[in-house]
Amino acid sequence: MKLYVKVFASLRQKYPDINDFNPLIIDIEKGTKIIDIIELLDFTTDEVHLILLNGIKASIDTSIEGDESILSLFPPIGGG
């Protein structure tokens, strides 16, 4: 299955070429967990705060079941 991965904000420091218009495309097995993708990309769970799978909030334990899913990863963001 194809998975489209998008990273945002400070996570782009490791992957500056990955963005909304140019996602990373990787082949995965059905049922791959999001934590496996985070580790594959060499991120820690502390670095990734918000996870969206096809636009819906997900957790690191969520399994990816659909072909051509979109995984969006966001770091913790401060502000006021």
Protein backbone atom coordinates (compact mmCIF):
# COMPACT_ATOMS: atom_id res chain seq x y z
CA MET A 1 0.00 0.00 0.00
CA LYS A 2 1.08 3.56 -0.59
CA LEU A 3 1.23 5.98 2.31
CA TYR A 4 1.66 9.72 1.82
CA VAL A 5 3.50 11.35 4.73
CA LYS A 6 3.50 15.08 5.44
CA VAL A 7 5.54 16.72 8.19
CA PHE A 8 5.03 20.22 9.53
CA ALA A 9 6.76 23.01 11.45
CA SER A 10 10.00 21.99 13.20
CA LEU A 11 9.71 18.39 11.95
CA ARG A 12 10.65 19.73 8.52
CA GLN A 13 14.18 20.31 9.76
CA LYS A 14 14.93 16.61 9.17
CA TYR A 15 12.96 16.48 5.93
CA PRO A 16 12.92 19.96 4.36
CA ASP A 17 11.64 18.67 1.01
CA ILE A 18 8.50 17.08 2.49
CA ASN A 19 5.53 19.43 2.61
CA ASP A 20 1.84 19.69 1.81
CA PHE A 21 2.50 19.71 -1.93
CA ASN A 22 5.36 17.19 -1.92
CA PRO A 23 4.63 14.37 0.55
CA LEU A 24 6.96 11.48 1.15
CA ILE A 25 5.52 8.36 -0.48
CA ILE A 26 6.36 5.04 1.13
CA ASP A 27 5.14 1.51 0.60
CA ILE A 28 3.78 -0.15 3.71
CA GLU A 29 1.96 -3.33 4.65
CA LYS A 30 -1.72 -3.11 5.57
CA GLY A 31 -2.00 -2.82 9.35
CA THR A 32 1.30 -0.97 9.85
CA LYS A 33 1.08 1.11 13.02
CA ILE A 34 1.79 4.83 13.00
CA ILE A 35 4.55 4.35 15.59
CA ASP A 36 6.40 2.24 13.01
CA ILE A 37 6.31 5.12 10.52
CA ILE A 38 7.46 7.62 13.17
CA GLU A 39 10.42 5.40 14.00
CA LEU A 40 11.16 4.79 10.30
CA LEU A 41 11.43 8.56 9.85
CA ASP A 42 13.79 8.73 12.85
CA PHE A 43 11.44 10.83 14.98
CA THR A 44 10.77 10.20 18.65
CA THR A 45 7.32 10.16 20.21
CA ASP A 46 8.31 13.34 22.09
CA GLU A 47 8.87 15.12 18.77
CA VAL A 48 5.47 14.21 17.33
CA HIS A 49 2.51 15.68 19.20
CA LEU A 50 -0.42 15.71 16.80
CA ILE A 51 -1.08 12.92 14.31
CA LEU A 52 -3.72 13.04 11.60
CA LEU A 53 -4.58 10.05 9.45
CA ASN A 54 -6.69 11.12 6.48
CA GLY A 55 -7.53 14.31 8.37
CA ILE A 56 -8.73 12.56 11.52
CA LYS A 57 -6.84 12.65 14.80
CA ALA A 58 -5.01 9.38 15.42
CA SER A 59 -2.61 7.88 17.95
CA ILE A 60 0.74 6.15 17.61
CA ASP A 61 -1.03 2.80 18.05
CA THR A 62 -3.42 3.37 15.15
CA SER A 63 -3.12 0.82 12.34
CA ILE A 64 -3.09 2.09 8.76
CA GLU A 65 -5.62 0.08 6.78
CA GLY A 66 -6.39 2.10 3.65
CA ASP A 67 -4.31 2.37 0.50
CA GLU A 68 -3.16 5.89 -0.36
CA SER A 69 -3.76 7.16 3.17
CA ILE A 70 -2.32 10.51 4.20
CA LEU A 71 -0.38 10.73 7.46
CA SER A 72 0.30 14.24 8.80
CA LEU A 73 2.74 14.71 11.68
CA PHE A 74 2.98 17.86 13.79
CA PRO A 75 5.33 18.75 16.65
CA PRO A 76 4.24 20.34 19.93
CA ILE A 77 3.55 23.99 19.17
CA GLY A 78 3.71 26.75 21.74
CA GLY A 79 1.98 30.06 21.57
CA GLY A 80 -0.15 32.41 23.40
